[in-house]
Amino acid sequence: MNFNNYNQYSYVVYYSPDPMDRIIIDYYNEEWNVTSKPNHIHQRYEKEGKETVFTGNPETDIYLLLELL
């Protein structure tokens, strides 16, 4: 997990050394056409950003992340 004092966030889970064997949840790139914009998730082995319930609030996101794992 990455947090800073500017309300920026990303959650990254790496499963193996394969570059696409990961899950990334973030808000950095607004190019994805999702209703949760700018928040989005990159599923394992997928480059595209998809809609997510994550909001960048660690008080609620940590429980969602635990469910995901």
Protein backbone atom coordinates (compact mmCIF):
# COMPACT_ATOMS: atom_id res chain seq x y z
CA MET A 1 0.00 0.00 0.00
CA ASN A 2 1.17 3.50 -0.74
CA PHE A 3 -0.20 6.59 0.97
CA ASN A 4 1.02 10.13 1.17
CA ASN A 5 -0.12 13.49 2.48
CA TYR A 6 -1.80 14.44 -0.79
CA ASN A 7 -4.67 11.91 -0.62
CA GLN A 8 -3.03 9.83 -3.33
CA TYR A 9 -3.14 6.07 -3.08
CA SER A 10 -2.43 2.76 -4.72
CA TYR A 11 -2.80 -0.78 -3.48
CA VAL A 12 -0.66 -3.33 -5.30
CA VAL A 13 -0.64 -7.09 -4.79
CA TYR A 14 2.10 -9.07 -6.55
CA TYR A 15 1.60 -12.81 -6.95
CA SER A 16 4.73 -13.70 -8.92
CA PRO A 17 7.61 -12.11 -10.88
CA ASP A 18 5.41 -12.09 -14.01
CA PRO A 19 4.70 -8.36 -14.64
CA MET A 20 0.98 -8.98 -15.24
CA ASP A 21 0.51 -11.33 -12.27
CA ARG A 22 -0.65 -8.53 -10.02
CA ILE A 23 -3.65 -6.50 -8.93
CA ILE A 24 -3.40 -2.71 -8.86
CA ILE A 25 -6.07 -0.47 -7.32
CA ASP A 26 -5.46 3.23 -7.79
CA TYR A 27 -6.76 6.50 -9.12
CA TYR A 28 -3.76 7.82 -11.03
CA ASN A 29 -4.96 7.39 -14.60
CA GLU A 30 -8.31 8.87 -15.60
CA GLU A 31 -8.36 7.33 -19.08
CA TRP A 32 -10.54 4.41 -17.98
CA ASN A 33 -14.23 4.83 -18.75
CA VAL A 34 -15.69 3.60 -15.46
CA THR A 35 -18.40 4.96 -13.16
CA SER A 36 -15.97 4.86 -10.21
CA LYS A 37 -13.65 7.29 -12.03
CA PRO A 38 -10.93 8.11 -11.21
CA ASN A 39 -10.77 5.06 -8.90
CA HIS A 40 -10.24 1.82 -10.79
CA ILE A 41 -8.76 -1.66 -10.53
CA HIS A 42 -6.41 -3.56 -12.84
CA GLN A 43 -7.22 -7.26 -12.40
CA ARG A 44 -4.61 -10.01 -12.69
CA TYR A 45 -3.31 -10.39 -16.25
CA GLU A 46 -5.39 -7.43 -17.48
CA LYS A 47 -4.04 -4.02 -18.46
CA GLU A 48 -7.40 -2.20 -18.62
CA GLY A 49 -8.78 -0.37 -15.62
CA LYS A 50 -12.20 -1.53 -14.42
CA GLU A 51 -14.82 -0.15 -12.06
CA THR A 52 -14.08 -0.60 -8.36
CA VAL A 53 -15.66 -0.05 -4.96
CA PHE A 54 -12.33 1.19 -3.55
CA THR A 55 -12.32 4.91 -2.74
CA GLY A 56 -8.84 5.63 -1.41
CA ASN A 57 -10.09 5.81 2.18
CA PRO A 58 -7.91 3.33 4.08
CA GLU A 59 -10.42 3.05 6.93
CA THR A 60 -12.87 1.29 4.60
CA ASP A 61 -10.57 0.08 1.83
CA ILE A 62 -8.50 -2.15 4.11
CA TYR A 63 -11.54 -4.38 4.71
CA LEU A 64 -12.23 -4.55 0.97
CA LEU A 65 -8.60 -5.40 0.32
CA LEU A 66 -8.68 -8.19 2.88
CA GLU A 67 -11.79 -9.64 1.22
CA LEU A 68 -10.08 -9.45 -2.15
CA LEU A 69 -7.06 -11.37 -0.87
